[in-house]
């Protein structure tokens, strides 16, 4: 069966539920539900409320390594960034956030662990 971004994100949050006992900062990790199918009326309302295309999937508002926080876009193998997501990556990086794209929940988990650790964070700078 083919995996989905939703399944990967759910797996990541299952890990977060367990790992937050050791790293309480993980309780701040949250999803930003920008995607998904919606009725036209709901889409209009959400846009008026400030929902923006391109915003990354996850936010961890914890300052580390000189960054204000971490934004993560979670993709599955073969997934591509939209132009709006590329712009979000650039704009948030310019504002002092670490914004990265990861393939699969395991890669995202490992990056979050490194980000929260005191050792130097070596997350990728760009999505290729």
N, C-alpha and C. Protein backbone atom coordinates (compact mmCIF):
# COMPACT_ATOMS: atom_id res chain seq x y z
N UNK A 1 0.83 -1.17 0.00
CA UNK A 1 0.00 0.00 0.00
C UNK A 1 0.89 1.25 0.00
N UNK A 2 0.50 2.25 -0.80
CA UNK A 2 1.26 3.48 -0.91
C UNK A 2 1.03 4.34 0.34
N UNK A 3 2.12 4.89 0.85
CA UNK A 3 2.01 5.75 2.02
C UNK A 3 1.53 7.14 1.60
N UNK A 4 0.98 7.88 2.53
CA UNK A 4 0.52 9.23 2.27
C UNK A 4 1.22 10.19 3.23
N UNK A 5 1.19 11.47 2.89
CA UNK A 5 1.75 12.47 3.80
C UNK A 5 0.99 12.46 5.13
N UNK A 6 -0.30 12.24 5.07
CA UNK A 6 -1.11 12.18 6.29
C UNK A 6 -0.64 11.05 7.19
N UNK A 7 -0.41 9.86 6.62
CA UNK A 7 0.04 8.72 7.41
C UNK A 7 1.41 8.99 8.03
N UNK A 8 2.30 9.62 7.26
CA UNK A 8 3.63 9.96 7.78
C UNK A 8 3.52 10.95 8.93
N UNK A 9 2.66 11.95 8.78
CA UNK A 9 2.50 12.95 9.83
C UNK A 9 1.88 12.33 11.09
N UNK A 10 0.92 11.44 10.91
CA UNK A 10 0.33 10.76 12.06
C UNK A 10 1.37 9.92 12.80
N UNK A 11 2.23 9.25 12.05
CA UNK A 11 3.29 8.46 12.67
C UNK A 11 4.24 9.36 13.46
N UNK A 12 4.57 10.52 12.90
CA UNK A 12 5.44 11.46 13.60
C UNK A 12 4.81 11.88 14.93
N UNK A 13 3.52 12.17 14.93
CA UNK A 13 2.88 12.62 16.16
C UNK A 13 2.67 11.48 17.16
N UNK A 14 2.66 10.23 16.71
CA UNK A 14 2.67 9.11 17.65
C UNK A 14 4.00 9.08 18.39
N UNK A 15 5.09 9.30 17.65
CA UNK A 15 6.41 9.38 18.28
C UNK A 15 6.45 10.57 19.25
N UNK A 16 5.92 11.73 18.84
CA UNK A 16 5.92 12.92 19.69
C UNK A 16 5.21 12.64 21.02
N UNK A 17 4.10 11.93 20.97
CA UNK A 17 3.34 11.62 22.18
C UNK A 17 4.19 10.85 23.19
N UNK A 18 5.06 9.99 22.70
CA UNK A 18 5.93 9.20 23.57
C UNK A 18 7.17 10.01 23.97
N UNK A 19 7.81 10.64 23.00
CA UNK A 19 9.08 11.32 23.23
C UNK A 19 8.94 12.59 24.06
N UNK A 20 7.75 13.17 24.12
CA UNK A 20 7.58 14.42 24.87
C UNK A 20 7.78 14.22 26.38
N UNK A 21 7.74 12.98 26.85
CA UNK A 21 8.04 12.72 28.26
C UNK A 21 9.50 13.05 28.56
N UNK A 22 10.39 12.81 27.59
CA UNK A 22 11.81 13.11 27.75
C UNK A 22 12.16 14.52 27.28
N UNK A 23 11.45 15.01 26.29
CA UNK A 23 11.69 16.35 25.73
C UNK A 23 10.39 17.13 25.74
N UNK A 24 10.08 17.81 26.84
CA UNK A 24 8.80 18.50 26.99
C UNK A 24 8.53 19.55 25.91
N UNK A 25 9.59 20.08 25.30
CA UNK A 25 9.40 21.07 24.23
C UNK A 25 8.59 20.51 23.07
N UNK A 26 8.62 19.20 22.91
CA UNK A 26 7.87 18.56 21.82
C UNK A 26 6.37 18.80 21.93
N UNK A 27 5.90 19.12 23.12
CA UNK A 27 4.47 19.41 23.28
C UNK A 27 4.06 20.64 22.49
N UNK A 28 5.03 21.47 22.10
CA UNK A 28 4.74 22.67 21.31
C UNK A 28 4.67 22.39 19.81
N UNK A 29 5.14 21.23 19.38
CA UNK A 29 5.05 20.89 17.96
C UNK A 29 3.59 20.77 17.57
N UNK A 30 3.22 21.44 16.50
CA UNK A 30 1.82 21.38 16.06
C UNK A 30 1.72 21.42 14.54
N UNK A 31 0.60 20.89 14.08
CA UNK A 31 0.31 20.85 12.64
C UNK A 31 -0.41 22.14 12.24
N UNK A 32 -0.19 22.52 11.00
CA UNK A 32 -0.87 23.68 10.43
C UNK A 32 -1.72 23.12 9.28
N UNK A 33 -3.01 22.95 9.50
CA UNK A 33 -3.87 22.26 8.51
C UNK A 33 -4.25 23.14 7.32
N UNK A 34 -3.28 23.37 6.45
CA UNK A 34 -3.54 24.19 5.27
C UNK A 34 -4.10 23.39 4.10
N UNK A 35 -3.79 22.11 4.03
CA UNK A 35 -4.18 21.31 2.88
C UNK A 35 -5.54 20.66 3.07
N UNK A 36 -5.87 19.81 2.14
CA UNK A 36 -7.10 19.04 2.24
C UNK A 36 -8.22 19.59 1.37
N UNK A 37 -9.17 18.73 1.13
CA UNK A 37 -10.34 19.10 0.32
C UNK A 37 -11.34 19.83 1.21
N UNK A 38 -11.86 20.94 0.68
CA UNK A 38 -12.85 21.73 1.40
C UNK A 38 -13.89 22.23 0.41
N UNK A 39 -15.03 22.56 0.94
CA UNK A 39 -16.04 23.18 0.08
C UNK A 39 -15.56 24.58 -0.29
N UNK A 40 -16.10 25.14 -1.35
CA UNK A 40 -15.71 26.48 -1.78
C UNK A 40 -16.02 27.51 -0.70
N UNK A 41 -17.14 27.36 -0.03
CA UNK A 41 -17.52 28.30 1.03
C UNK A 41 -16.52 28.25 2.17
N UNK A 42 -16.16 27.03 2.59
CA UNK A 42 -15.18 26.87 3.67
C UNK A 42 -13.83 27.46 3.25
N UNK A 43 -13.43 27.22 2.01
CA UNK A 43 -12.15 27.74 1.52
C UNK A 43 -12.13 29.27 1.56
N UNK A 44 -13.23 29.90 1.18
CA UNK A 44 -13.32 31.36 1.20
C UNK A 44 -13.23 31.87 2.64
N UNK A 45 -13.94 31.23 3.54
CA UNK A 45 -13.92 31.64 4.95
C UNK A 45 -12.52 31.49 5.52
N UNK A 46 -11.88 30.35 5.27
CA UNK A 46 -10.53 30.13 5.79
C UNK A 46 -9.54 31.15 5.23
N UNK A 47 -9.66 31.47 3.96
CA UNK A 47 -8.77 32.47 3.36
C UNK A 47 -8.97 33.83 4.04
N UNK A 48 -10.22 34.19 4.29
CA UNK A 48 -10.51 35.45 4.99
C UNK A 48 -9.98 35.44 6.43
N UNK A 49 -9.90 34.25 7.02
CA UNK A 49 -9.37 34.11 8.39
C UNK A 49 -7.85 34.09 8.43
N UNK A 50 -7.23 34.06 7.26
CA UNK A 50 -5.77 34.13 7.23
C UNK A 50 -5.03 32.89 6.79
N UNK A 51 -5.75 31.84 6.40
CA UNK A 51 -5.07 30.64 5.90
C UNK A 51 -4.35 31.01 4.61
N UNK A 52 -3.09 30.59 4.50
CA UNK A 52 -2.27 30.95 3.35
C UNK A 52 -1.70 29.71 2.68
N UNK A 53 -1.73 29.73 1.38
CA UNK A 53 -1.16 28.65 0.58
C UNK A 53 0.36 28.67 0.74
N UNK A 54 0.94 27.49 0.89
CA UNK A 54 2.39 27.37 0.96
C UNK A 54 2.95 27.23 2.36
N UNK A 55 2.15 27.55 3.38
CA UNK A 55 2.63 27.43 4.75
C UNK A 55 2.98 25.96 5.02
N UNK A 56 4.10 25.75 5.68
CA UNK A 56 4.58 24.40 5.93
C UNK A 56 3.64 23.64 6.87
N UNK A 57 3.78 22.32 6.88
CA UNK A 57 2.89 21.43 7.63
C UNK A 57 2.99 21.56 9.14
N UNK A 58 4.21 21.76 9.64
CA UNK A 58 4.45 21.68 11.08
C UNK A 58 5.26 22.87 11.58
N UNK A 59 4.99 23.25 12.81
CA UNK A 59 5.76 24.32 13.44
C UNK A 59 6.16 23.88 14.84
N UNK A 60 7.43 24.13 15.16
CA UNK A 60 7.94 23.90 16.51
C UNK A 60 8.48 25.25 17.01
N UNK A 61 7.66 25.98 17.79
CA UNK A 61 8.07 27.32 18.22
C UNK A 61 9.02 27.28 19.42
N UNK A 62 10.18 26.69 19.18
CA UNK A 62 11.22 26.56 20.20
C UNK A 62 12.51 27.10 19.61
N UNK A 63 13.09 28.10 20.25
CA UNK A 63 14.34 28.70 19.76
C UNK A 63 15.52 27.78 20.09
N UNK A 64 16.35 27.55 19.08
CA UNK A 64 17.58 26.76 19.24
C UNK A 64 18.58 27.19 18.16
N UNK A 65 19.84 27.09 18.49
CA UNK A 65 20.92 27.26 17.51
C UNK A 65 20.83 28.57 16.75
N UNK A 66 20.31 29.61 17.38
CA UNK A 66 20.21 30.91 16.74
C UNK A 66 18.96 31.09 15.89
N UNK A 67 18.09 30.09 15.85
CA UNK A 67 16.83 30.18 15.10
C UNK A 67 15.68 30.48 16.05
N UNK A 68 14.67 31.16 15.56
CA UNK A 68 13.47 31.48 16.35
C UNK A 68 12.58 30.26 16.56
N UNK A 69 12.64 29.31 15.65
CA UNK A 69 11.81 28.12 15.69
C UNK A 69 12.04 27.30 14.44
N UNK A 70 11.32 26.20 14.33
CA UNK A 70 11.50 25.24 13.24
C UNK A 70 10.18 25.04 12.49
N UNK A 71 10.23 25.17 11.17
CA UNK A 71 9.10 24.82 10.31
C UNK A 71 9.50 23.59 9.50
N UNK A 72 8.57 22.65 9.38
CA UNK A 72 8.84 21.43 8.64
C UNK A 72 7.74 21.21 7.60
N UNK A 73 8.16 20.95 6.39
CA UNK A 73 7.24 20.47 5.35
C UNK A 73 7.54 18.99 5.19
N UNK A 74 6.55 18.17 5.41
CA UNK A 74 6.72 16.71 5.35
C UNK A 74 6.21 16.20 4.01
N UNK A 75 7.07 15.54 3.28
CA UNK A 75 6.74 14.99 1.97
C UNK A 75 6.92 13.48 1.98
N UNK A 76 6.32 12.84 1.00
CA UNK A 76 6.60 11.44 0.75
C UNK A 76 7.57 11.38 -0.43
N UNK A 77 8.17 10.25 -0.65
CA UNK A 77 9.14 10.09 -1.73
C UNK A 77 8.51 10.55 -3.05
N UNK A 78 9.21 11.40 -3.75
CA UNK A 78 8.73 11.92 -5.02
C UNK A 78 7.92 13.19 -4.90
N UNK A 79 7.62 13.61 -3.66
CA UNK A 79 6.85 14.83 -3.45
C UNK A 79 7.65 16.06 -3.85
N UNK A 80 6.97 17.06 -4.34
CA UNK A 80 7.61 18.30 -4.79
C UNK A 80 7.03 19.49 -4.05
N UNK A 81 7.87 20.50 -3.86
CA UNK A 81 7.41 21.75 -3.27
C UNK A 81 6.66 22.56 -4.32
N UNK A 82 5.57 23.18 -3.90
CA UNK A 82 4.87 24.12 -4.78
C UNK A 82 5.65 25.43 -4.79
N UNK A 83 5.33 26.30 -5.73
CA UNK A 83 5.98 27.61 -5.76
C UNK A 83 5.70 28.37 -4.47
N UNK A 84 4.49 28.27 -3.95
CA UNK A 84 4.16 28.95 -2.69
C UNK A 84 4.96 28.40 -1.52
N UNK A 85 5.20 27.09 -1.51
CA UNK A 85 6.02 26.49 -0.46
C UNK A 85 7.47 26.93 -0.58
N UNK A 86 7.97 27.05 -1.79
CA UNK A 86 9.34 27.54 -1.99
C UNK A 86 9.46 28.97 -1.46
N UNK A 87 8.43 29.78 -1.70
CA UNK A 87 8.44 31.15 -1.20
C UNK A 87 8.40 31.16 0.33
N UNK A 88 7.57 30.29 0.94
CA UNK A 88 7.49 30.19 2.40
C UNK A 88 8.86 29.82 2.97
N UNK A 89 9.52 28.88 2.35
CA UNK A 89 10.86 28.46 2.78
C UNK A 89 11.80 29.66 2.80
N UNK A 90 11.80 30.41 1.73
CA UNK A 90 12.69 31.57 1.62
C UNK A 90 12.33 32.65 2.64
N UNK A 91 11.07 33.00 2.74
CA UNK A 91 10.65 34.10 3.62
C UNK A 91 10.87 33.79 5.10
N UNK A 92 10.55 32.56 5.51
CA UNK A 92 10.74 32.21 6.92
C UNK A 92 12.23 32.10 7.27
N UNK A 93 13.01 31.62 6.34
CA UNK A 93 14.46 31.55 6.56
C UNK A 93 15.03 32.96 6.73
N UNK A 94 14.58 33.88 5.90
CA UNK A 94 15.03 35.27 6.00
C UNK A 94 14.65 35.89 7.35
N UNK A 95 13.59 35.39 7.97
CA UNK A 95 13.12 35.93 9.25
C UNK A 95 13.73 35.23 10.47
N UNK A 96 14.68 34.32 10.22
CA UNK A 96 15.39 33.70 11.34
C UNK A 96 14.82 32.37 11.80
N UNK A 97 14.00 31.73 10.99
CA UNK A 97 13.47 30.41 11.32
C UNK A 97 14.24 29.36 10.53
N UNK A 98 14.32 28.17 11.08
CA UNK A 98 14.87 27.04 10.34
C UNK A 98 13.69 26.37 9.67
N UNK A 99 13.68 26.40 8.36
CA UNK A 99 12.58 25.83 7.58
C UNK A 99 13.15 24.77 6.65
N UNK A 100 12.66 23.55 6.82
CA UNK A 100 13.26 22.42 6.10
C UNK A 100 12.17 21.49 5.60
N UNK A 101 12.46 20.80 4.52
CA UNK A 101 11.58 19.79 3.95
C UNK A 101 12.19 18.42 4.21
N UNK A 102 11.38 17.49 4.72
CA UNK A 102 11.85 16.15 4.98
C UNK A 102 10.95 15.14 4.29
N UNK A 103 11.56 14.03 3.90
CA UNK A 103 10.82 12.92 3.29
C UNK A 103 10.62 11.86 4.36
N UNK A 104 9.36 11.69 4.76
CA UNK A 104 9.02 10.67 5.73
C UNK A 104 9.18 11.12 7.17
N UNK A 105 8.44 10.45 8.04
CA UNK A 105 8.41 10.84 9.45
C UNK A 105 9.71 10.54 10.17
N UNK A 106 10.42 9.50 9.77
CA UNK A 106 11.66 9.14 10.45
C UNK A 106 12.70 10.23 10.23
N UNK A 107 12.83 10.71 9.01
CA UNK A 107 13.77 11.78 8.71
C UNK A 107 13.41 13.05 9.49
N UNK A 108 12.13 13.36 9.56
CA UNK A 108 11.67 14.53 10.32
C UNK A 108 11.96 14.37 11.81
N UNK A 109 11.70 13.19 12.34
CA UNK A 109 11.96 12.89 13.76
C UNK A 109 13.44 13.09 14.09
N UNK A 110 14.30 12.56 13.26
CA UNK A 110 15.74 12.69 13.49
C UNK A 110 16.18 14.15 13.47
N UNK A 111 15.61 14.92 12.56
CA UNK A 111 15.95 16.35 12.47
C UNK A 111 15.45 17.10 13.70
N UNK A 112 14.26 16.79 14.16
CA UNK A 112 13.71 17.43 15.36
C UNK A 112 14.58 17.11 16.57
N UNK A 113 15.00 15.86 16.69
CA UNK A 113 15.87 15.48 17.81
C UNK A 113 17.17 16.28 17.77
N UNK A 114 17.78 16.39 16.60
CA UNK A 114 19.02 17.16 16.47
C UNK A 114 18.78 18.63 16.78
N UNK A 115 17.67 19.15 16.30
CA UNK A 115 17.35 20.56 16.53
C UNK A 115 17.22 20.85 18.03
N UNK A 116 16.57 19.95 18.75
CA UNK A 116 16.36 20.16 20.19
C UNK A 116 17.60 19.89 21.02
N UNK A 117 18.54 19.11 20.50
CA UNK A 117 19.77 18.82 21.23
C UNK A 117 20.68 20.03 21.23
N UNK A 118 21.58 20.05 22.18
CA UNK A 118 22.50 21.17 22.30
C UNK A 118 23.63 21.12 21.28
N UNK A 119 23.85 19.95 20.68
CA UNK A 119 24.90 19.85 19.68
C UNK A 119 24.51 20.62 18.43
N UNK A 120 25.50 20.88 17.60
CA UNK A 120 25.26 21.67 16.39
C UNK A 120 24.22 21.01 15.50
N UNK A 121 23.27 21.80 15.06
CA UNK A 121 22.21 21.33 14.17
C UNK A 121 22.73 21.39 12.75
N UNK A 122 22.57 20.28 12.02
CA UNK A 122 23.09 20.23 10.64
C UNK A 122 21.99 19.98 9.62
N UNK A 123 20.80 20.50 9.87
CA UNK A 123 19.69 20.31 8.95
C UNK A 123 19.98 20.89 7.58
N UNK A 124 19.38 20.30 6.58
CA UNK A 124 19.59 20.76 5.22
C UNK A 124 19.07 22.18 5.04
N UNK A 125 19.74 22.94 4.22
CA UNK A 125 19.34 24.31 3.97
C UNK A 125 18.29 24.41 2.86
N UNK A 126 18.32 23.50 1.93
CA UNK A 126 17.42 23.64 0.78
C UNK A 126 16.80 22.30 0.42
N UNK A 127 15.69 22.37 -0.23
CA UNK A 127 15.01 21.22 -0.81
C UNK A 127 15.41 21.13 -2.26
N UNK A 128 15.84 19.97 -2.72
CA UNK A 128 16.27 19.85 -4.12
C UNK A 128 15.20 19.18 -4.94
